[in-house]
Amino acid sequence: MRVLLLKLLLRLFALLPLRAAHALGAGLGWLAWVLPTGLRDTTLTNLRLCYPDMPEPERRRLARASLRETGKTFTEMGAMWFWSPARVYGLVREKVNEDMAVDLYRQGRGLIVLIPHLGSWEMCNLHYAQDFPLTALYRPPRMAGLQRMIQQSRERVGARLVPTTAGGVKGLYAALGRHEVVGILPDQDPGRSGGAFAPFFGIPASTMTLVPRLARRTGAPVVLIYGERLPKGRGYRTHFHRVDDTIRDADPAVAAAALNRGVETCVRECPAQYQWSYKRFKTRPEGEKGLY
């Protein structure tokens, strides 16, 4: 029943113009702020950890803005999953530093594209799958009934999705061996076994070691991209940053720190659009108590 309801909601969101979908999402985010929700609590906890010197009134304003953006992430999925590729492509109004990424791709070593939970990551995946041969790593949804819809929606412009399994990782290496592009969400907590601890906004965070391994073994350059939402549903502005080459360091902690510095640079440019409601610091170093 929950799966059917969610599918219906997404279809309804797809009928709305982007401005209306974003307005609705902002309203849902406002509800997440005024009601006693876990999203609000996690957002405030993360912001207190990452911006300890920010005055509390300013931090609460940022938390409210972040939850409004989180609501937009949900309601814009209708457009991202069901609009025509050309219509989604037309939403990108400006591309900042894209030439850097294109030049790196043309060097023929493949390209690792990291898409953090900042702005519209669904749009970035869809948009650049039209321009490059893209293999994207994804975590299968908890609701198995959504699996087929998600995969069809994300692959409809030519992207290939591979799961977070040994076979999926093998698919990433194969794509880079063909000098193609791989896309990965870099700011998920991989747990204690799948990551190394490295600072993120000064807080030790379990950070995936897969990206550094891919970069070190294939020689592929690494870039970050995020899709900034423009006001009043006017579309998106994409931003590109190159990740420090120390991401190839043999020391997992050094490489993970380079990855986190890159993500942090992007977040500081557009902090309200980061998904602060995610428990980024859930896994703690041995002996340290939980933060949530």
C-alpha atoms as a PDB file:
ATOM      1  CA  MET A   1       0.000   0.000   0.000  1.00  0.00           C
ATOM      2  CA  ARG A   2       2.809   2.428   0.868  1.00  0.00           C
ATOM      3  CA  VAL A   3       4.524   1.692  -2.432  1.00  0.00           C
ATOM      4  CA  LEU A   4       1.347   2.351  -4.425  1.00  0.00           C
ATOM      5  CA  LEU A   5       0.735   5.606  -2.554  1.00  0.00           C
ATOM      6  CA  LEU A   6       4.288   6.796  -3.152  1.00  0.00           C
ATOM      7  CA  LYS A   7       4.083   5.978  -6.858  1.00  0.00           C
ATOM      8  CA  LEU A   8       0.807   7.896  -7.112  1.00  0.00           C
ATOM      9  CA  LEU A   9       2.290  10.921  -5.344  1.00  0.00           C
ATOM     10  CA  LEU A  10       5.290  10.983  -7.669  1.00  0.00           C
ATOM     11  CA  ARG A  11       3.034  10.784 -10.711  1.00  0.00           C
ATOM     12  CA  LEU A  12       0.982  13.680  -9.341  1.00  0.00           C
ATOM     13  CA  PHE A  13       4.118  15.730  -8.658  1.00  0.00           C
ATOM     14  CA  ALA A  14       5.144  15.154 -12.291  1.00  0.00           C
ATOM     15  CA  LEU A  15       1.990  16.958 -13.428  1.00  0.00           C
ATOM     16  CA  LEU A  16       3.077  20.158 -11.688  1.00  0.00           C
ATOM     17  CA  PRO A  17       5.350  22.832 -13.162  1.00  0.00           C
ATOM     18  CA  LEU A  18       8.669  22.925 -11.336  1.00  0.00           C
ATOM     19  CA  ARG A  19       7.809  26.146  -9.506  1.00  0.00           C
ATOM     20  CA  ALA A  20       4.651  24.587  -8.052  1.00  0.00           C
ATOM     21  CA  ALA A  21       6.465  21.352  -7.151  1.00  0.00           C
ATOM     22  CA  HIS A  22       9.136  23.327  -5.311  1.00  0.00           C
ATOM     23  CA  ALA A  23       6.534  25.428  -3.508  1.00  0.00           C
ATOM     24  CA  LEU A  24       4.790  22.252  -2.364  1.00  0.00           C
ATOM     25  CA  GLY A  25       8.106  20.763  -1.255  1.00  0.00           C
ATOM     26  CA  ALA A  26       8.961  23.882   0.715  1.00  0.00           C
ATOM     27  CA  GLY A  27       5.607  23.524   2.482  1.00  0.00           C
ATOM     28  CA  LEU A  28       6.384  19.929   3.404  1.00  0.00           C
ATOM     29  CA  GLY A  29       9.758  21.050   4.705  1.00  0.00           C
ATOM     30  CA  TRP A  30       8.076  23.703   6.829  1.00  0.00           C
ATOM     31  CA  LEU A  31       5.892  20.989   8.371  1.00  0.00           C
ATOM     32  CA  ALA A  32       9.015  18.942   9.117  1.00  0.00           C
ATOM     33  CA  TRP A  33      10.302  21.972  11.039  1.00  0.00           C
ATOM     34  CA  VAL A  34       7.220  22.895  13.049  1.00  0.00           C
ATOM     35  CA  LEU A  35       6.305  19.323  13.961  1.00  0.00           C
ATOM     36  CA  PRO A  36       8.447  17.303  16.398  1.00  0.00           C
ATOM     37  CA  THR A  37      10.165  15.219  13.706  1.00  0.00           C
ATOM     38  CA  GLY A  38      13.388  13.281  13.608  1.00  0.00           C
ATOM     39  CA  LEU A  39      14.352  15.239  10.487  1.00  0.00           C
ATOM     40  CA  ARG A  40      14.365  18.489  12.465  1.00  0.00           C
ATOM     41  CA  ASP A  41      16.336  16.992  15.339  1.00  0.00           C
ATOM     42  CA  THR A  42      18.981  15.462  13.070  1.00  0.00           C
ATOM     43  CA  THR A  43      19.312  18.668  11.056  1.00  0.00           C
ATOM     44  CA  LEU A  44      19.891  20.764  14.182  1.00  0.00           C
ATOM     45  CA  THR A  45      22.359  18.239  15.583  1.00  0.00           C
ATOM     46  CA  ASN A  46      24.401  18.215  12.369  1.00  0.00           C
ATOM     47  CA  LEU A  47      24.456  21.986  12.114  1.00  0.00           C
ATOM     48  CA  ARG A  48      25.576  22.369  15.737  1.00  0.00           C
ATOM     49  CA  LEU A  49      28.404  19.930  15.038  1.00  0.00           C
ATOM     50  CA  CYS A  50      29.478  21.466  11.737  1.00  0.00           C
ATOM     51  CA  TYR A  51      28.913  25.156  12.535  1.00  0.00           C
ATOM     52  CA  PRO A  52      29.751  25.393  16.254  1.00  0.00           C
ATOM     53  CA  ASP A  53      30.527  29.119  16.066  1.00  0.00           C
ATOM     54  CA  MET A  54      27.337  30.089  14.246  1.00  0.00           C
ATOM     55  CA  PRO A  55      24.874  32.021  16.430  1.00  0.00           C
ATOM     56  CA  GLU A  56      21.913  29.847  17.386  1.00  0.00           C
ATOM     57  CA  PRO A  57      19.251  32.036  15.663  1.00  0.00           C
ATOM     58  CA  GLU A  58      21.227  31.906  12.407  1.00  0.00           C
ATOM     59  CA  ARG A  59      21.710  28.157  12.752  1.00  0.00           C
ATOM     60  CA  ARG A  60      17.975  27.640  13.219  1.00  0.00           C
ATOM     61  CA  ARG A  61      17.256  29.759  10.127  1.00  0.00           C
ATOM     62  CA  LEU A  62      19.670  27.570   8.168  1.00  0.00           C
ATOM     63  CA  ALA A  63      17.971  24.434   9.528  1.00  0.00           C
ATOM     64  CA  ARG A  64      14.553  25.683   8.408  1.00  0.00           C
ATOM     65  CA  ALA A  65      15.892  26.532   4.968  1.00  0.00           C
ATOM     66  CA  SER A  66      17.560  23.128   4.682  1.00  0.00           C
ATOM     67  CA  LEU A  67      14.333  21.287   5.511  1.00  0.00           C
ATOM     68  CA  ARG A  68      12.478  23.312   2.881  1.00  0.00           C
ATOM     69  CA  GLU A  69      15.091  22.225   0.346  1.00  0.00           C
ATOM     70  CA  THR A  70      14.769  18.622   1.513  1.00  0.00           C
ATOM     71  CA  GLY A  71      11.053  18.858   0.810  1.00  0.00           C
ATOM     72  CA  LYS A  72      11.828  20.100  -2.701  1.00  0.00           C
ATOM     73  CA  THR A  73      14.094  17.095  -3.217  1.00  0.00           C
ATOM     74  CA  PHE A  74      11.065  14.871  -2.696  1.00  0.00           C
ATOM     75  CA  THR A  75       8.525  16.785  -4.775  1.00  0.00           C
ATOM     76  CA  GLU A  76      10.875  17.415  -7.723  1.00  0.00           C
ATOM     77  CA  MET A  77      11.388  13.667  -8.149  1.00  0.00           C
ATOM     78  CA  GLY A  78       8.206  13.533 -10.186  1.00  0.00           C
ATOM     79  CA  ALA A  79       9.820  15.774 -12.782  1.00  0.00           C
ATOM     80  CA  MET A  80      13.201  14.057 -12.590  1.00  0.00           C
ATOM     81  CA  TRP A  81      11.757  10.572 -13.031  1.00  0.00           C
ATOM     82  CA  PHE A  82       8.889  11.146 -15.450  1.00  0.00           C
ATOM     83  CA  TRP A  83       9.473  14.281 -17.514  1.00  0.00           C
ATOM     84  CA  SER A  84      11.045  13.865 -20.931  1.00  0.00           C
ATOM     85  CA  PRO A  85      14.857  14.033 -20.947  1.00  0.00           C
ATOM     86  CA  ALA A  86      14.735  17.127 -23.173  1.00  0.00           C
ATOM     87  CA  ARG A  87      12.469  18.912 -20.697  1.00  0.00           C
ATOM     88  CA  VAL A  88      14.778  18.118 -17.778  1.00  0.00           C
ATOM     89  CA  TYR A  89      17.825  19.107 -19.828  1.00  0.00           C
ATOM     90  CA  GLY A  90      16.222  22.486 -20.478  1.00  0.00           C
ATOM     91  CA  LEU A  91      16.051  23.215 -16.744  1.00  0.00           C
ATOM     92  CA  VAL A  92      19.830  23.750 -16.541  1.00  0.00           C
ATOM     93  CA  ARG A  93      20.329  27.501 -16.908  1.00  0.00           C
ATOM     94  CA  GLU A  94      24.046  27.764 -16.220  1.00  0.00           C
ATOM     95  CA  LYS A  95      27.071  25.465 -15.935  1.00  0.00           C
ATOM     96  CA  VAL A  96      29.920  26.664 -13.746  1.00  0.00           C
ATOM     97  CA  ASN A  97      33.373  25.240 -14.554  1.00  0.00           C
ATOM     98  CA  GLU A  98      31.976  22.449 -16.733  1.00  0.00           C
ATOM     99  CA  ASP A  99      34.820  22.877 -19.235  1.00  0.00           C
ATOM    100  CA  MET A 100      37.226  21.528 -16.620  1.00  0.00           C
ATOM    101  CA  ALA A 101      35.301  18.266 -16.355  1.00  0.00           C
ATOM    102  CA  VAL A 102      34.916  17.915 -20.115  1.00  0.00           C
ATOM    103  CA  ASP A 103      38.652  18.460 -20.641  1.00  0.00           C
ATOM    104  CA  LEU A 104      39.466  15.792 -18.053  1.00  0.00           C
ATOM    105  CA  TYR A 105      37.100  13.329 -19.724  1.00  0.00           C
ATOM    106  CA  ARG A 106      38.701  13.966 -23.110  1.00  0.00           C
ATOM    107  CA  GLN A 107      42.077  12.880 -21.740  1.00  0.00           C
ATOM    108  CA  GLY A 108      40.846   9.317 -22.181  1.00  0.00           C
ATOM    109  CA  ARG A 109      41.348   7.990 -18.663  1.00  0.00           C
ATOM    110  CA  GLY A 110      37.688   7.829 -17.748  1.00  0.00           C
ATOM    111  CA  LEU A 111      36.129  10.128 -15.172  1.00  0.00           C
ATOM    112  CA  ILE A 112      34.803   9.587 -11.649  1.00  0.00           C
ATOM    113  CA  VAL A 113      31.928  11.969 -10.959  1.00  0.00           C
ATOM    114  CA  LEU A 114      30.886  12.431  -7.346  1.00  0.00           C
ATOM    115  CA  ILE A 115      27.372  13.768  -6.761  1.00  0.00           C
ATOM    116  CA  PRO A 116      26.822  14.662  -3.080  1.00  0.00           C
ATOM    117  CA  HIS A 117      23.416  15.094  -1.437  1.00  0.00           C
ATOM    118  CA  LEU A 118      23.425  18.762  -2.316  1.00  0.00           C
ATOM    119  CA  GLY A 119      20.796  20.478  -4.421  1.00  0.00           C
ATOM    120  CA  SER A 120      19.235  18.188  -7.024  1.00  0.00           C
ATOM    121  CA  TRP A 121      21.412  15.108  -7.382  1.00  0.00           C
ATOM    122  CA  GLU A 122      18.707  13.335  -9.396  1.00  0.00           C
ATOM    123  CA  MET A 123      18.895  16.107 -11.991  1.00  0.00           C
ATOM    124  CA  CYS A 124      22.684  15.800 -12.215  1.00  0.00           C
ATOM    125  CA  ASN A 125      22.480  12.068 -12.856  1.00  0.00           C
ATOM    126  CA  LEU A 126      19.828  12.472 -15.535  1.00  0.00           C
ATOM    127  CA  HIS A 127      21.362  15.511 -17.170  1.00  0.00           C
ATOM    128  CA  TYR A 128      24.869  14.130 -17.648  1.00  0.00           C
ATOM    129  CA  ALA A 129      23.780  10.654 -18.672  1.00  0.00           C
ATOM    130  CA  GLN A 130      22.649  12.348 -21.885  1.00  0.00           C
ATOM    131  CA  ASP A 131      26.151  13.656 -22.611  1.00  0.00           C
ATOM    132  CA  PHE A 132      28.445  10.871 -21.400  1.00  0.00           C
ATOM    133  CA  PRO A 133      28.401   7.054 -21.162  1.00  0.00           C
ATOM    134  CA  LEU A 134      27.517   6.861 -17.465  1.00  0.00           C
ATOM    135  CA  THR A 135      27.551   3.934 -15.050  1.00  0.00           C
ATOM    136  CA  ALA A 136      26.095   4.938 -11.692  1.00  0.00           C
ATOM    137  CA  LEU A 137      26.367   3.148  -8.370  1.00  0.00           C
ATOM    138  CA  TYR A 138      23.137   3.005  -6.399  1.00  0.00           C
ATOM    139  CA  ARG A 139      21.811   1.510  -3.193  1.00  0.00           C
ATOM    140  CA  PRO A 140      18.653  -0.579  -3.804  1.00  0.00           C
ATOM    141  CA  PRO A 141      15.621   1.002  -2.080  1.00  0.00           C
ATOM    142  CA  ARG A 142      14.262  -0.340   1.181  1.00  0.00           C
ATOM    143  CA  MET A 143      10.868  -0.639  -0.497  1.00  0.00           C
ATOM    144  CA  ALA A 144      11.584  -3.366  -3.031  1.00  0.00           C
ATOM    145  CA  GLY A 145       8.419  -2.456  -4.941  1.00  0.00           C
ATOM    146  CA  LEU A 146      10.068   0.792  -6.054  1.00  0.00           C
ATOM    147  CA  GLN A 147      13.104  -0.929  -7.548  1.00  0.00           C
ATOM    148  CA  ARG A 148      11.826  -1.296 -11.101  1.00  0.00           C
ATOM    149  CA  MET A 149      10.414   2.229 -11.316  1.00  0.00           C
ATOM    150  CA  ILE A 150      13.601   3.824  -9.992  1.00  0.00           C
ATOM    151  CA  GLN A 151      15.830   1.859 -12.326  1.00  0.00           C
ATOM    152  CA  GLN A 152      13.708   2.550 -15.401  1.00  0.00           C
ATOM    153  CA  SER A 153      13.465   6.244 -14.591  1.00  0.00           C
ATOM    154  CA  ARG A 154      17.181   6.730 -14.038  1.00  0.00           C
ATOM    155  CA  GLU A 155      18.237   4.585 -16.993  1.00  0.00           C
ATOM    156  CA  ARG A 156      15.837   6.075 -19.544  1.00  0.00           C
ATOM    157  CA  VAL A 157      18.484   8.360 -21.053  1.00  0.00           C
ATOM    158  CA  GLY A 158      21.184   5.712 -21.328  1.00  0.00           C
ATOM    159  CA  ALA A 159      22.742   5.519 -17.871  1.00  0.00           C
ATOM    160  CA  ARG A 160      23.533   2.076 -16.499  1.00  0.00           C
ATOM    161  CA  LEU A 161      22.838   1.480 -12.809  1.00  0.00           C
ATOM    162  CA  VAL A 162      24.848  -1.029 -10.808  1.00  0.00           C
ATOM    163  CA  PRO A 163      24.065  -1.981  -7.183  1.00  0.00           C
ATOM    164  CA  THR A 164      26.309  -1.589  -4.146  1.00  0.00           C
ATOM    165  CA  THR A 165      27.549  -5.173  -4.397  1.00  0.00           C
ATOM    166  CA  ALA A 166      30.799  -6.808  -5.459  1.00  0.00           C
ATOM    167  CA  GLY A 167      29.309  -7.224  -8.933  1.00  0.00           C
ATOM    168  CA  GLY A 168      28.351  -3.554  -9.036  1.00  0.00           C
ATOM    169  CA  VAL A 169      31.858  -2.454  -8.086  1.00  0.00           C
ATOM    170  CA  LYS A 170      33.233  -4.723 -10.814  1.00  0.00           C
ATOM    171  CA  GLY A 171      30.932  -2.885 -13.229  1.00  0.00           C
ATOM    172  CA  LEU A 172      32.477   0.456 -12.170  1.00  0.00           C
ATOM    173  CA  TYR A 173      35.988  -0.826 -12.872  1.00  0.00           C
ATOM    174  CA  ALA A 174      34.856  -2.144 -16.243  1.00  0.00           C
ATOM    175  CA  ALA A 175      33.332   1.233 -17.178  1.00  0.00           C
ATOM    176  CA  LEU A 176      36.520   3.073 -16.260  1.00  0.00           C
ATOM    177  CA  GLY A 177      38.486   0.471 -18.218  1.00  0.00           C
ATOM    178  CA  ARG A 178      36.440   1.566 -21.235  1.00  0.00           C
ATOM    179  CA  HIS A 179      37.354   5.190 -20.378  1.00  0.00           C
ATOM    180  CA  GLU A 180      33.743   6.039 -19.518  1.00  0.00           C
ATOM    181  CA  VAL A 181      32.182   7.973 -16.638  1.00  0.00           C
ATOM    182  CA  VAL A 182      31.090   6.523 -13.311  1.00  0.00           C
ATOM    183  CA  GLY A 183      28.807   8.347 -10.895  1.00  0.00           C
ATOM    184  CA  ILE A 184      28.808   7.862  -7.126  1.00  0.00           C
ATOM    185  CA  LEU A 185      27.110   9.538  -4.144  1.00  0.00           C
ATOM    186  CA  PRO A 186      30.169  10.155  -1.940  1.00  0.00           C
ATOM    187  CA  ASP A 187      28.680  11.331   1.362  1.00  0.00           C
ATOM    188  CA  GLN A 188      26.826   8.291   2.659  1.00  0.00           C
ATOM    189  CA  ASP A 189      27.919   6.603   5.871  1.00  0.00           C
ATOM    190  CA  PRO A 190      29.427   3.237   4.779  1.00  0.00           C
ATOM    191  CA  GLY A 191      29.618   1.912   8.332  1.00  0.00           C
ATOM    192  CA  ARG A 192      32.704   0.728  10.132  1.00  0.00           C
ATOM    193  CA  SER A 193      33.717  -1.987   7.661  1.00  0.00           C
ATOM    194  CA  GLY A 194      33.352  -0.044   4.416  1.00  0.00           C
ATOM    195  CA  GLY A 195      35.061   3.204   5.285  1.00  0.00           C
ATOM    196  CA  ALA A 196      37.861   5.133   6.941  1.00  0.00           C
ATOM    197  CA  PHE A 197      37.397   7.955   9.425  1.00  0.00           C
ATOM    198  CA  ALA A 198      38.269  11.392   8.110  1.00  0.00           C
ATOM    199  CA  PRO A 199      37.232  14.940   9.091  1.00  0.00           C
ATOM    200  CA  PHE A 200      34.047  16.396   7.625  1.00  0.00           C
ATOM    201  CA  PHE A 201      33.536  19.918   8.934  1.00  0.00           C
ATOM    202  CA  GLY A 202      36.067  18.936  11.602  1.00  0.00           C
ATOM    203  CA  ILE A 203      34.052  15.928  12.818  1.00  0.00           C
ATOM    204  CA  PRO A 204      35.371  12.378  12.223  1.00  0.00           C
ATOM    205  CA  ALA A 205      33.039  10.762   9.696  1.00  0.00           C
ATOM    206  CA  SER A 206      33.095   7.244   8.302  1.00  0.00           C
ATOM    207  CA  THR A 207      33.941   7.866   4.647  1.00  0.00           C
ATOM    208  CA  MET A 208      33.840   5.463   1.723  1.00  0.00           C
ATOM    209  CA  THR A 209      37.164   4.081   0.550  1.00  0.00           C
ATOM    210  CA  LEU A 210      35.757   2.841  -2.768  1.00  0.00           C
ATOM    211  CA  VAL A 211      36.290   6.143  -4.587  1.00  0.00           C
ATOM    212  CA  PRO A 212      39.984   6.423  -3.609  1.00  0.00           C
ATOM    213  CA  ARG A 213      40.548   2.805  -4.670  1.00  0.00           C
ATOM    214  CA  LEU A 214      38.921   3.427  -8.046  1.00  0.00           C
ATOM    215  CA  ALA A 215      40.982   6.565  -8.586  1.00  0.00           C
ATOM    216  CA  ARG A 216      44.255   4.958  -7.506  1.00  0.00           C
ATOM    217  CA  ARG A 217      43.882   1.766  -9.539  1.00  0.00           C
ATOM    218  CA  THR A 218      42.542   3.310 -12.756  1.00  0.00           C
ATOM    219  CA  GLY A 219      44.192   6.740 -12.801  1.00  0.00           C
ATOM    220  CA  ALA A 220      40.826   8.331 -13.547  1.00  0.00           C
ATOM    221  CA  PRO A 221      40.462  11.955 -12.397  1.00  0.00           C
ATOM    222  CA  VAL A 222      37.763  12.767  -9.840  1.00  0.00           C
ATOM    223  CA  VAL A 223      35.335  15.669  -9.968  1.00  0.00           C
ATOM    224  CA  LEU A 224      32.386  16.796  -7.873  1.00  0.00           C
ATOM    225  CA  ILE A 225      29.154  18.120  -9.345  1.00  0.00           C
ATOM    226  CA  TYR A 226      26.041  19.507  -7.733  1.00  0.00           C
ATOM    227  CA  GLY A 227      22.866  21.063  -9.083  1.00  0.00           C
ATOM    228  CA  GLU A 228      21.945  24.268  -7.255  1.00  0.00           C
ATOM    229  CA  ARG A 229      18.229  25.040  -7.266  1.00  0.00           C
ATOM    230  CA  LEU A 230      17.453  28.510  -8.522  1.00  0.00           C
ATOM    231  CA  PRO A 231      14.753  30.572  -6.773  1.00  0.00           C
ATOM    232  CA  LYS A 232      11.070  30.241  -7.666  1.00  0.00           C
ATOM    233  CA  GLY A 233      11.500  27.068  -9.701  1.00  0.00           C
ATOM    234  CA  ARG A 234      13.504  28.777 -12.435  1.00  0.00           C
ATOM    235  CA  GLY A 235      15.699  25.727 -12.915  1.00  0.00           C
ATOM    236  CA  TYR A 236      19.226  24.766 -11.871  1.00  0.00           C
ATOM    237  CA  ARG A 237      22.825  25.905 -11.968  1.00  0.00           C
ATOM    238  CA  THR A 238      25.415  23.113 -12.075  1.00  0.00           C
ATOM    239  CA  HIS A 239      28.801  23.487 -10.382  1.00  0.00           C
ATOM    240  CA  PHE A 240      31.960  21.449 -10.969  1.00  0.00           C
ATOM    241  CA  HIS A 241      35.007  21.064  -8.715  1.00  0.00           C
ATOM    242  CA  ARG A 242      38.073  18.908  -9.148  1.00  0.00           C
ATOM    243  CA  VAL A 243      39.012  16.753  -6.151  1.00  0.00           C
ATOM    244  CA  ASP A 244      42.535  17.016  -4.748  1.00  0.00           C
ATOM    245  CA  ASP A 245      44.883  14.379  -6.200  1.00  0.00           C
ATOM    246  CA  THR A 246      45.675  13.149  -2.679  1.00  0.00           C
ATOM    247  CA  ILE A 247      42.457  11.169  -3.054  1.00  0.00           C
ATOM    248  CA  ARG A 248      44.790   8.588  -4.639  1.00  0.00           C
ATOM    249  CA  ASP A 249      46.964   8.356  -1.529  1.00  0.00           C
ATOM    250  CA  ALA A 250      47.646   4.815  -0.340  1.00  0.00           C
ATOM    251  CA  ASP A 251      46.715   5.809   3.214  1.00  0.00           C
ATOM    252  CA  PRO A 252      42.898   5.400   3.404  1.00  0.00           C
ATOM    253  CA  ALA A 253      42.548   8.207   5.963  1.00  0.00           C
ATOM    254  CA  VAL A 254      44.492  10.675   3.809  1.00  0.00           C
ATOM    255  CA  ALA A 255      42.483   9.764   0.707  1.00  0.00           C
ATOM    256  CA  ALA A 256      39.175   9.947   2.586  1.00  0.00           C
ATOM    257  CA  ALA A 257      40.109  13.376   3.933  1.00  0.00           C
ATOM    258  CA  ALA A 258      40.639  14.623   0.367  1.00  0.00           C
ATOM    259  CA  LEU A 259      37.206  13.338  -0.608  1.00  0.00           C
ATOM    260  CA  ASN A 260      35.540  15.040   2.364  1.00  0.00           C
ATOM    261  CA  ARG A 261      37.352  18.327   1.709  1.00  0.00           C
ATOM    262  CA  GLY A 262      35.908  18.338  -1.781  1.00  0.00           C
ATOM    263  CA  VAL A 263      32.368  17.694  -0.562  1.00  0.00           C
ATOM    264  CA  GLU A 264      32.762  20.307   2.170  1.00  0.00           C
ATOM    265  CA  THR A 265      33.868  22.915  -0.371  1.00  0.00           C
ATOM    266  CA  CYS A 266      30.659  22.349  -2.308  1.00  0.00           C
ATOM    267  CA  VAL A 267      28.467  22.421   0.797  1.00  0.00           C
ATOM    268  CA  ARG A 268      29.965  25.707   1.991  1.00  0.00           C
ATOM    269  CA  GLU A 269      28.977  27.280  -1.327  1.00  0.00           C
ATOM    270  CA  CYS A 270      25.340  26.302  -0.902  1.00  0.00           C
ATOM    271  CA  PRO A 271      24.756  25.172   2.713  1.00  0.00           C
ATOM    272  CA  ALA A 272      20.966  25.509   2.755  1.00  0.00           C
ATOM    273  CA  GLN A 273      20.634  22.925  -0.026  1.00  0.00           C
ATOM    274  CA  TYR A 274      22.636  20.208   1.701  1.00  0.00           C
ATOM    275  CA  GLN A 275      20.725  17.284   3.177  1.00  0.00           C
ATOM    276  CA  TRP A 276      21.557  18.004   6.816  1.00  0.00           C
ATOM    277  CA  SER A 277      18.714  15.681   7.861  1.00  0.00           C
ATOM    278  CA  TYR A 278      20.894  12.656   7.002  1.00  0.00           C
ATOM    279  CA  LYS A 279      22.744  11.041   9.932  1.00  0.00           C
ATOM    280  CA  ARG A 280      26.162  11.583   8.392  1.00  0.00           C
ATOM    281  CA  PHE A 281      27.994  10.964  11.695  1.00  0.00           C
ATOM    282  CA  LYS A 282      26.068   7.881  12.767  1.00  0.00           C
ATOM    283  CA  THR A 283      29.121   5.578  12.813  1.00  0.00           C
ATOM    284  CA  ARG A 284      31.579   6.688  15.494  1.00  0.00           C
ATOM    285  CA  PRO A 285      35.195   5.770  16.176  1.00  0.00           C
ATOM    286  CA  GLU A 286      35.706   2.924  18.623  1.00  0.00           C
ATOM    287  CA  GLY A 287      34.784   3.954  22.159  1.00  0.00           C
ATOM    288  CA  GLU A 288      33.036   7.215  21.183  1.00  0.00           C
ATOM    289  CA  LYS A 289      29.371   7.602  22.092  1.00  0.00           C
ATOM    290  CA  GLY A 290      26.698   8.205  19.468  1.00  0.00           C
ATOM    291  CA  LEU A 291      25.776  11.702  18.361  1.00  0.00           C
ATOM    292  CA  TYR A 292      22.096  11.121  17.537  1.00  0.00           C
END
